[in-house]
Amino acid sequence: MSTRLDGAGGTSGGIGQFLFGLGMAVAGAYLLTNQVTVTSGYWRLWGYNGFGLSLIPLVLGIGLLFFNGRSIPGWLLTFAGTVIIFTGILTNLDIYFRPTSLFNTILMLILLAGGIGLVARSLRTQ
């Protein structure tokens, strides 16, 4: 029985091309995300801190689940409370791109886009 070494994704595309593209994409993504600063603000509801209110459905749901683990309202409240908290965290994030030179920005974007292009091309049958 002979074994045949296939390319990336089982196609006849090149594994070397795939690995080089993957390295480029990872380097570009790292450099790009390294230039981003993420901060968070306060949850405001009618001028007051609203984070405590977002915990109410989660706490009620967990309480119902401790009382009866098969409680459908308990599972729904727990799920809804979790979604509310994650949504609140994401919507209150402030994302800033730190100042950098145009050359560095273009280099980061070329590495990212070029790497993704090479990975996609290596997965295609040659």
Protein backbone atom coordinates (compact mmCIF):
# COMPACT_ATOMS: atom_id res chain seq x y z
CA MET A 1 0.00 0.00 0.00
CA SER A 2 1.47 3.32 -1.00
CA THR A 3 0.83 6.47 0.94
CA ARG A 4 0.50 9.74 -0.87
CA LEU A 5 1.29 13.02 0.87
CA ASP A 6 -1.50 15.48 0.11
CA GLY A 7 -1.20 19.22 0.29
CA ALA A 8 -2.98 21.57 2.64
CA GLY A 9 -6.61 20.61 3.23
CA GLY A 10 -6.22 17.35 1.29
CA THR A 11 -5.77 19.23 -1.99
CA SER A 12 -2.76 19.36 -4.28
CA GLY A 13 -1.93 22.84 -3.02
CA GLY A 14 1.41 23.43 -1.33
CA ILE A 15 1.97 22.88 2.38
CA GLY A 16 4.89 25.32 2.28
CA GLN A 17 2.65 27.99 0.79
CA PHE A 18 0.05 27.30 3.47
CA LEU A 19 2.58 27.58 6.32
CA PHE A 20 4.17 30.73 4.89
CA GLY A 21 0.74 32.34 4.46
CA LEU A 22 -0.29 31.28 7.95
CA GLY A 23 2.89 32.83 9.37
CA MET A 24 2.26 36.07 7.46
CA ALA A 25 -1.36 36.24 8.62
CA VAL A 26 -0.44 35.57 12.25
CA ALA A 27 2.34 38.19 12.16
CA GLY A 28 0.06 40.78 10.55
CA ALA A 29 -2.77 40.10 12.98
CA TYR A 30 -0.39 40.30 15.95
CA LEU A 31 1.13 43.59 14.81
CA LEU A 32 -2.29 45.07 14.05
CA THR A 33 -3.87 44.06 17.36
CA ASN A 34 -0.75 45.26 19.19
CA GLN A 35 -1.60 48.81 18.01
CA VAL A 36 -5.10 48.71 19.48
CA THR A 37 -5.97 50.03 22.94
CA VAL A 38 -9.20 48.85 24.54
CA THR A 39 -10.78 50.67 27.47
CA SER A 40 -14.12 50.40 29.17
CA GLY A 41 -16.60 52.90 30.51
CA TYR A 42 -19.36 52.76 33.10
CA TRP A 43 -22.73 51.20 32.40
CA ARG A 44 -25.22 54.02 32.55
CA LEU A 45 -28.98 53.71 32.87
CA TRP A 46 -30.80 57.04 33.20
CA GLY A 47 -27.61 58.62 34.58
CA TYR A 48 -26.94 55.91 37.18
CA ASN A 49 -24.61 52.91 37.19
CA GLY A 50 -26.71 50.12 35.64
CA PHE A 51 -24.46 47.08 36.08
CA GLY A 52 -26.26 45.87 39.20
CA LEU A 53 -29.58 45.74 37.37
CA SER A 54 -28.08 43.48 34.72
CA LEU A 55 -27.27 40.91 37.41
CA ILE A 56 -30.91 40.46 38.49
CA PRO A 57 -31.97 37.97 35.76
CA LEU A 58 -28.77 35.96 36.22
CA VAL A 59 -29.12 35.72 39.98
CA LEU A 60 -32.83 34.84 39.78
CA GLY A 61 -32.11 32.18 37.15
CA ILE A 62 -29.32 30.62 39.20
CA GLY A 63 -31.57 30.64 42.27
CA LEU A 64 -34.32 28.83 40.36
CA LEU A 65 -31.79 26.31 39.04
CA PHE A 66 -30.54 25.56 42.55
CA PHE A 67 -34.15 24.97 43.60
CA ASN A 68 -34.98 22.82 40.55
CA GLY A 69 -32.25 21.97 38.02
CA ARG A 70 -34.84 21.25 35.32
CA SER A 71 -36.61 24.59 35.64
CA ILE A 72 -37.12 26.04 32.16
CA PRO A 73 -37.65 29.61 33.48
CA GLY A 74 -34.43 29.19 35.49
CA TRP A 75 -32.47 28.19 32.39
CA LEU A 76 -34.02 31.00 30.35
CA LEU A 77 -33.26 33.64 33.01
CA THR A 78 -29.69 32.36 33.41
CA PHE A 79 -29.13 32.43 29.66
CA ALA A 80 -30.75 35.87 29.30
CA GLY A 81 -28.71 37.28 32.21
CA THR A 82 -25.48 35.95 30.70
CA VAL A 83 -26.33 37.46 27.29
CA ILE A 84 -27.21 40.80 28.92
CA ILE A 85 -23.90 40.91 30.80
CA PHE A 86 -21.76 39.99 27.76
CA THR A 87 -23.68 42.43 25.57
CA GLY A 88 -23.22 45.18 28.15
CA ILE A 89 -19.49 44.52 28.35
CA LEU A 90 -19.07 44.57 24.58
CA THR A 91 -21.18 47.66 24.01
CA ASN A 92 -19.30 49.65 26.65
CA LEU A 93 -15.85 48.98 25.19
CA ASP A 94 -13.96 51.87 23.62
CA ILE A 95 -11.46 50.71 21.00
CA TYR A 96 -8.71 53.06 19.80
CA PHE A 97 -6.04 52.53 17.15
CA ARG A 98 -2.83 53.98 18.55
CA PRO A 99 -0.95 56.44 16.35
CA THR A 100 1.55 54.75 14.05
CA SER A 101 3.23 55.56 10.77
CA LEU A 102 1.51 54.95 7.45
CA PHE A 103 4.31 52.57 6.47
CA ASN A 104 3.75 50.40 9.55
CA THR A 105 -0.02 50.36 9.01
CA ILE A 106 0.35 49.34 5.36
CA LEU A 107 2.90 46.67 6.32
CA MET A 108 0.54 45.21 8.92
CA LEU A 109 -2.40 45.14 6.50
CA ILE A 110 -0.31 43.62 3.66
CA LEU A 111 0.96 40.87 5.97
CA LEU A 112 -2.56 40.09 7.15
CA ALA A 113 -4.30 40.21 3.76
CA GLY A 114 -1.42 38.57 1.88
CA GLY A 115 -1.21 35.76 4.41
CA ILE A 116 -4.93 35.08 4.22
CA GLY A 117 -4.68 35.09 0.41
CA LEU A 118 -1.81 32.58 0.43
CA VAL A 119 -3.65 30.29 2.84
CA ALA A 120 -6.76 30.41 0.64
CA ARG A 121 -4.71 29.75 -2.50
CA SER A 122 -2.95 26.77 -0.91
CA LEU A 123 -6.30 25.17 -0.06
CA ARG A 124 -7.37 25.35 -3.70
CA THR A 125 -6.54 22.50 -6.08
CA GLN A 126 -3.60 23.48 -8.27
